[in-house]
Amino acid sequence: MSIEKNIPCLMIFLGAIIMLVSILKSKDLLKAMPYVPKRHRQELGRRLELHRLMMVFFLFGYIVVLLVFAFEISLVSRLFVSVIFLVGAVFVLLGTYIQSRLLAEMQTTLTGLLPICAKCKKIRTKEGDAKDSKSWKSIEAYISEKSGVHFSHGLCPECFKNEMMAISKKKARQCA
């Protein structure tokens, strides 16, 4: 084999190794799924799976192109390289969409400083005026709007105990 043949084959082989590592590392993207609202998880999960399948396609493409280059089959290599480039553009587009969607979903998770009323615990919206009552939302409404979380109310053990004591005292006063 000549150096003109070895270098492209080595580069293609390295590309295949990088693609294999990418396939293995792509599982890490699934760690971000809990930060995605439930209503978007299924769609984003399907796109992530499609993205991984495309990476597998590329891995096989690299292997085929490597073999084609090694055995100097010109017609097949041109066809395969053309397909790889076309699908590569779709792959990059899909990858960019997935990343931007994940980042956008994670951006809507709660971070930073929240203006909150010290007494009633209402939160002022980011764009709202502090003196406008319409700019203030209950903490439940604010969090639900930003994250897709819905609330169920109950009492913690300490508050339950205090509430039961208050009810007992009220009954005792009524009976007396």
C-alpha atoms as a PDB file:
ATOM      1  CA  MET A   1       0.000   0.000   0.000  1.00  0.00           C
ATOM      2  CA  SER A   2       1.241   3.471  -0.887  1.00  0.00           C
ATOM      3  CA  ILE A   3       1.203   6.480   1.411  1.00  0.00           C
ATOM      4  CA  GLU A   4      -1.544   8.055  -0.746  1.00  0.00           C
ATOM      5  CA  LYS A   5      -3.676   5.039   0.075  1.00  0.00           C
ATOM      6  CA  ASN A   6      -2.616   4.649   3.721  1.00  0.00           C
ATOM      7  CA  ILE A   7      -3.306   8.192   4.917  1.00  0.00           C
ATOM      8  CA  PRO A   8      -6.945   8.360   3.681  1.00  0.00           C
ATOM      9  CA  CYS A   9      -7.579   4.867   5.082  1.00  0.00           C
ATOM     10  CA  LEU A  10      -6.048   5.878   8.421  1.00  0.00           C
ATOM     11  CA  MET A  11      -8.170   9.039   8.532  1.00  0.00           C
ATOM     12  CA  ILE A  12     -11.333   7.071   7.733  1.00  0.00           C
ATOM     13  CA  PHE A  13     -10.409   4.493  10.386  1.00  0.00           C
ATOM     14  CA  LEU A  14      -9.910   7.278  12.963  1.00  0.00           C
ATOM     15  CA  GLY A  15     -13.269   8.746  11.928  1.00  0.00           C
ATOM     16  CA  ALA A  16     -14.884   5.351  12.560  1.00  0.00           C
ATOM     17  CA  ILE A  17     -13.290   5.192  16.022  1.00  0.00           C
ATOM     18  CA  ILE A  18     -14.541   8.705  16.821  1.00  0.00           C
ATOM     19  CA  MET A  19     -18.026   7.747  15.619  1.00  0.00           C
ATOM     20  CA  LEU A  20     -17.986   4.638  17.826  1.00  0.00           C
ATOM     21  CA  VAL A  21     -17.007   6.746  20.854  1.00  0.00           C
ATOM     22  CA  SER A  22     -19.781   9.216  19.931  1.00  0.00           C
ATOM     23  CA  ILE A  23     -22.338   6.404  19.840  1.00  0.00           C
ATOM     24  CA  LEU A  24     -21.260   5.263  23.286  1.00  0.00           C
ATOM     25  CA  LYS A  25     -21.236   8.812  24.704  1.00  0.00           C
ATOM     26  CA  SER A  26     -24.630   9.670  23.226  1.00  0.00           C
ATOM     27  CA  LYS A  27     -26.244   7.770  26.104  1.00  0.00           C
ATOM     28  CA  ASP A  28     -25.167  10.702  28.308  1.00  0.00           C
ATOM     29  CA  LEU A  29     -27.751  12.890  26.535  1.00  0.00           C
ATOM     30  CA  LEU A  30     -30.453  10.769  28.154  1.00  0.00           C
ATOM     31  CA  LYS A  31     -29.348  12.127  31.544  1.00  0.00           C
ATOM     32  CA  ALA A  32     -30.869  15.475  30.556  1.00  0.00           C
ATOM     33  CA  MET A  33     -34.320  13.975  29.902  1.00  0.00           C
ATOM     34  CA  PRO A  34     -35.619  14.480  33.477  1.00  0.00           C
ATOM     35  CA  TYR A  35     -35.243  18.240  32.871  1.00  0.00           C
ATOM     36  CA  VAL A  36     -37.495  18.058  29.821  1.00  0.00           C
ATOM     37  CA  PRO A  37     -41.226  18.453  30.516  1.00  0.00           C
ATOM     38  CA  LYS A  38     -43.113  15.166  30.182  1.00  0.00           C
ATOM     39  CA  ARG A  39     -45.131  16.458  27.236  1.00  0.00           C
ATOM     40  CA  HIS A  40     -41.918  16.800  25.173  1.00  0.00           C
ATOM     41  CA  ARG A  41     -39.983  13.744  26.392  1.00  0.00           C
ATOM     42  CA  GLN A  42     -41.447  11.223  23.954  1.00  0.00           C
ATOM     43  CA  GLU A  43     -40.782  13.385  20.890  1.00  0.00           C
ATOM     44  CA  LEU A  44     -37.278  14.275  22.021  1.00  0.00           C
ATOM     45  CA  GLY A  45     -36.606  10.633  22.918  1.00  0.00           C
ATOM     46  CA  ARG A  46     -37.569   9.553  19.393  1.00  0.00           C
ATOM     47  CA  ARG A  47     -35.270  12.174  17.899  1.00  0.00           C
ATOM     48  CA  LEU A  48     -32.394  11.081  20.137  1.00  0.00           C
ATOM     49  CA  GLU A  49     -32.953   7.481  19.049  1.00  0.00           C
ATOM     50  CA  LEU A  50     -32.982   8.553  15.384  1.00  0.00           C
ATOM     51  CA  HIS A  51     -29.770  10.467  16.005  1.00  0.00           C
ATOM     52  CA  ARG A  52     -28.111   7.349  17.462  1.00  0.00           C
ATOM     53  CA  LEU A  53     -29.328   5.245  14.518  1.00  0.00           C
ATOM     54  CA  MET A  54     -27.803   7.768  12.144  1.00  0.00           C
ATOM     55  CA  MET A  55     -24.515   7.501  14.046  1.00  0.00           C
ATOM     56  CA  VAL A  56     -24.617   3.714  13.575  1.00  0.00           C
ATOM     57  CA  PHE A  57     -25.321   4.293   9.871  1.00  0.00           C
ATOM     58  CA  PHE A  58     -22.270   6.547   9.713  1.00  0.00           C
ATOM     59  CA  LEU A  59     -20.141   3.967  11.497  1.00  0.00           C
ATOM     60  CA  PHE A  60     -21.079   1.363   8.903  1.00  0.00           C
ATOM     61  CA  GLY A  61     -20.552   3.978   6.197  1.00  0.00           C
ATOM     62  CA  TYR A  62     -17.048   4.649   7.465  1.00  0.00           C
ATOM     63  CA  ILE A  63     -16.269   0.931   7.443  1.00  0.00           C
ATOM     64  CA  VAL A  64     -17.619   0.464   3.896  1.00  0.00           C
ATOM     65  CA  VAL A  65     -15.773   3.540   2.605  1.00  0.00           C
ATOM     66  CA  LEU A  66     -12.599   2.302   4.296  1.00  0.00           C
ATOM     67  CA  LEU A  67     -12.923  -1.047   2.516  1.00  0.00           C
ATOM     68  CA  VAL A  68     -13.774   0.653  -0.790  1.00  0.00           C
ATOM     69  CA  PHE A  69     -10.735   2.929  -0.515  1.00  0.00           C
ATOM     70  CA  ALA A  70      -8.497   0.023   0.489  1.00  0.00           C
ATOM     71  CA  PHE A  71      -9.620  -2.054  -2.510  1.00  0.00           C
ATOM     72  CA  GLU A  72      -9.860   0.971  -4.861  1.00  0.00           C
ATOM     73  CA  ILE A  73     -13.450   0.477  -6.031  1.00  0.00           C
ATOM     74  CA  SER A  74     -14.048   3.945  -7.505  1.00  0.00           C
ATOM     75  CA  LEU A  75     -17.743   3.789  -8.508  1.00  0.00           C
ATOM     76  CA  VAL A  76     -18.919   2.524  -5.129  1.00  0.00           C
ATOM     77  CA  SER A  77     -16.701   4.919  -3.203  1.00  0.00           C
ATOM     78  CA  ARG A  78     -18.100   7.947  -5.045  1.00  0.00           C
ATOM     79  CA  LEU A  79     -21.653   6.764  -4.464  1.00  0.00           C
ATOM     80  CA  PHE A  80     -21.008   6.020  -0.792  1.00  0.00           C
ATOM     81  CA  VAL A  81     -19.164   9.265  -0.174  1.00  0.00           C
ATOM     82  CA  SER A  82     -22.071  11.145  -1.793  1.00  0.00           C
ATOM     83  CA  VAL A  83     -24.605   9.346   0.414  1.00  0.00           C
ATOM     84  CA  ILE A  84     -22.443   9.893   3.504  1.00  0.00           C
ATOM     85  CA  PHE A  85     -22.208  13.628   2.780  1.00  0.00           C
ATOM     86  CA  LEU A  86     -25.947  13.958   2.149  1.00  0.00           C
ATOM     87  CA  VAL A  87     -26.927  12.022   5.261  1.00  0.00           C
ATOM     88  CA  GLY A  88     -24.188  13.891   7.128  1.00  0.00           C
ATOM     89  CA  ALA A  89     -25.961  17.171   6.461  1.00  0.00           C
ATOM     90  CA  VAL A  90     -29.230  15.706   7.790  1.00  0.00           C
ATOM     91  CA  PHE A  91     -27.331  14.274  10.768  1.00  0.00           C
ATOM     92  CA  VAL A  92     -25.835  17.651  11.673  1.00  0.00           C
ATOM     93  CA  LEU A  93     -29.235  19.337  11.284  1.00  0.00           C
ATOM     94  CA  LEU A  94     -30.910  16.777  13.529  1.00  0.00           C
ATOM     95  CA  GLY A  95     -28.091  16.976  16.084  1.00  0.00           C
ATOM     96  CA  THR A  96     -28.347  20.762  16.159  1.00  0.00           C
ATOM     97  CA  TYR A  97     -32.125  20.545  16.604  1.00  0.00           C
ATOM     98  CA  ILE A  98     -31.803  18.068  19.466  1.00  0.00           C
ATOM     99  CA  GLN A  99     -29.159  20.103  21.252  1.00  0.00           C
ATOM    100  CA  SER A 100     -31.045  23.377  20.889  1.00  0.00           C
ATOM    101  CA  ARG A 101     -34.267  21.729  22.061  1.00  0.00           C
ATOM    102  CA  LEU A 102     -32.570  20.216  25.115  1.00  0.00           C
ATOM    103  CA  LEU A 103     -30.933  23.517  25.970  1.00  0.00           C
ATOM    104  CA  ALA A 104     -34.209  25.399  25.517  1.00  0.00           C
ATOM    105  CA  GLU A 105     -36.043  22.924  27.756  1.00  0.00           C
ATOM    106  CA  MET A 106     -33.320  23.104  30.380  1.00  0.00           C
ATOM    107  CA  GLN A 107     -33.360  26.894  30.208  1.00  0.00           C
ATOM    108  CA  THR A 108     -36.980  26.890  31.322  1.00  0.00           C
ATOM    109  CA  THR A 109     -36.009  25.070  34.504  1.00  0.00           C
ATOM    110  CA  LEU A 110     -35.835  27.344  37.484  1.00  0.00           C
ATOM    111  CA  THR A 111     -32.541  29.153  37.974  1.00  0.00           C
ATOM    112  CA  GLY A 112     -31.425  32.520  39.210  1.00  0.00           C
ATOM    113  CA  LEU A 113     -33.070  35.008  41.526  1.00  0.00           C
ATOM    114  CA  LEU A 114     -36.842  35.041  41.979  1.00  0.00           C
ATOM    115  CA  PRO A 115     -38.595  38.078  43.447  1.00  0.00           C
ATOM    116  CA  ILE A 116     -40.942  36.554  46.051  1.00  0.00           C
ATOM    117  CA  CYS A 117     -43.338  38.183  48.504  1.00  0.00           C
ATOM    118  CA  ALA A 118     -42.112  37.615  52.056  1.00  0.00           C
ATOM    119  CA  LYS A 119     -45.677  37.202  53.345  1.00  0.00           C
ATOM    120  CA  CYS A 120     -47.870  35.400  50.765  1.00  0.00           C
ATOM    121  CA  LYS A 121     -44.992  33.789  48.772  1.00  0.00           C
ATOM    122  CA  LYS A 122     -46.272  35.003  45.387  1.00  0.00           C
ATOM    123  CA  ILE A 123     -43.585  35.376  42.726  1.00  0.00           C
ATOM    124  CA  ARG A 124     -43.229  38.407  40.475  1.00  0.00           C
ATOM    125  CA  THR A 125     -42.884  37.556  36.782  1.00  0.00           C
ATOM    126  CA  LYS A 126     -39.641  38.562  35.117  1.00  0.00           C
ATOM    127  CA  GLU A 127     -41.203  41.217  32.911  1.00  0.00           C
ATOM    128  CA  GLY A 128     -43.718  42.371  35.530  1.00  0.00           C
ATOM    129  CA  ASP A 129     -43.904  45.604  37.470  1.00  0.00           C
ATOM    130  CA  ALA A 130     -43.450  45.224  41.232  1.00  0.00           C
ATOM    131  CA  LYS A 131     -46.438  47.535  41.893  1.00  0.00           C
ATOM    132  CA  ASP A 132     -48.816  45.781  39.492  1.00  0.00           C
ATOM    133  CA  SER A 133     -50.820  43.018  41.193  1.00  0.00           C
ATOM    134  CA  LYS A 134     -51.194  41.215  37.837  1.00  0.00           C
ATOM    135  CA  SER A 135     -47.398  40.721  37.785  1.00  0.00           C
ATOM    136  CA  TRP A 136     -47.541  38.460  40.826  1.00  0.00           C
ATOM    137  CA  LYS A 137     -48.401  34.749  40.610  1.00  0.00           C
ATOM    138  CA  SER A 138     -48.765  32.029  43.186  1.00  0.00           C
ATOM    139  CA  ILE A 139     -45.631  29.966  43.561  1.00  0.00           C
ATOM    140  CA  GLU A 140     -47.495  26.914  42.266  1.00  0.00           C
ATOM    141  CA  ALA A 141     -48.701  28.725  39.133  1.00  0.00           C
ATOM    142  CA  TYR A 142     -45.245  30.148  38.454  1.00  0.00           C
ATOM    143  CA  ILE A 143     -43.422  26.831  38.785  1.00  0.00           C
ATOM    144  CA  SER A 144     -46.085  24.974  36.777  1.00  0.00           C
ATOM    145  CA  GLU A 145     -45.807  27.513  33.966  1.00  0.00           C
ATOM    146  CA  LYS A 146     -42.016  27.350  33.853  1.00  0.00           C
ATOM    147  CA  SER A 147     -41.459  23.628  34.264  1.00  0.00           C
ATOM    148  CA  GLY A 148     -44.612  21.676  33.504  1.00  0.00           C
ATOM    149  CA  VAL A 149     -44.764  20.478  37.139  1.00  0.00           C
ATOM    150  CA  HIS A 150     -48.203  20.132  38.713  1.00  0.00           C
ATOM    151  CA  PHE A 151     -48.768  20.337  42.456  1.00  0.00           C
ATOM    152  CA  SER A 152     -50.602  18.157  44.918  1.00  0.00           C
ATOM    153  CA  HIS A 153     -51.147  19.670  48.345  1.00  0.00           C
ATOM    154  CA  GLY A 154     -50.687  17.986  51.679  1.00  0.00           C
ATOM    155  CA  LEU A 155     -49.146  18.664  55.076  1.00  0.00           C
ATOM    156  CA  CYS A 156     -45.667  17.810  56.278  1.00  0.00           C
ATOM    157  CA  PRO A 157     -45.532  15.943  59.633  1.00  0.00           C
ATOM    158  CA  GLU A 158     -44.706  19.089  61.611  1.00  0.00           C
ATOM    159  CA  CYS A 159     -47.532  21.152  60.084  1.00  0.00           C
ATOM    160  CA  PHE A 160     -49.937  18.199  60.458  1.00  0.00           C
ATOM    161  CA  LYS A 161     -49.084  17.986  64.170  1.00  0.00           C
ATOM    162  CA  ASN A 162     -49.548  21.753  64.626  1.00  0.00           C
ATOM    163  CA  GLU A 163     -52.845  21.689  62.699  1.00  0.00           C
ATOM    164  CA  MET A 164     -54.161  18.801  64.810  1.00  0.00           C
ATOM    165  CA  MET A 165     -53.181  20.671  67.981  1.00  0.00           C
ATOM    166  CA  ALA A 166     -54.978  23.793  66.750  1.00  0.00           C
ATOM    167  CA  ILE A 167     -58.113  21.751  65.948  1.00  0.00           C
ATOM    168  CA  SER A 168     -57.979  20.100  69.390  1.00  0.00           C
ATOM    169  CA  LYS A 169     -57.660  23.490  71.116  1.00  0.00           C
ATOM    170  CA  LYS A 170     -60.556  24.883  69.061  1.00  0.00           C
ATOM    171  CA  LYS A 171     -62.767  21.896  69.982  1.00  0.00           C
ATOM    172  CA  ALA A 172     -61.769  22.234  73.644  1.00  0.00           C
ATOM    173  CA  ARG A 173     -62.802  25.916  73.613  1.00  0.00           C
ATOM    174  CA  GLN A 174     -66.112  25.070  71.926  1.00  0.00           C
ATOM    175  CA  CYS A 175     -66.908  22.398  74.507  1.00  0.00           C
ATOM    176  CA  ALA A 176     -66.117  24.674  77.447  1.00  0.00           C
END
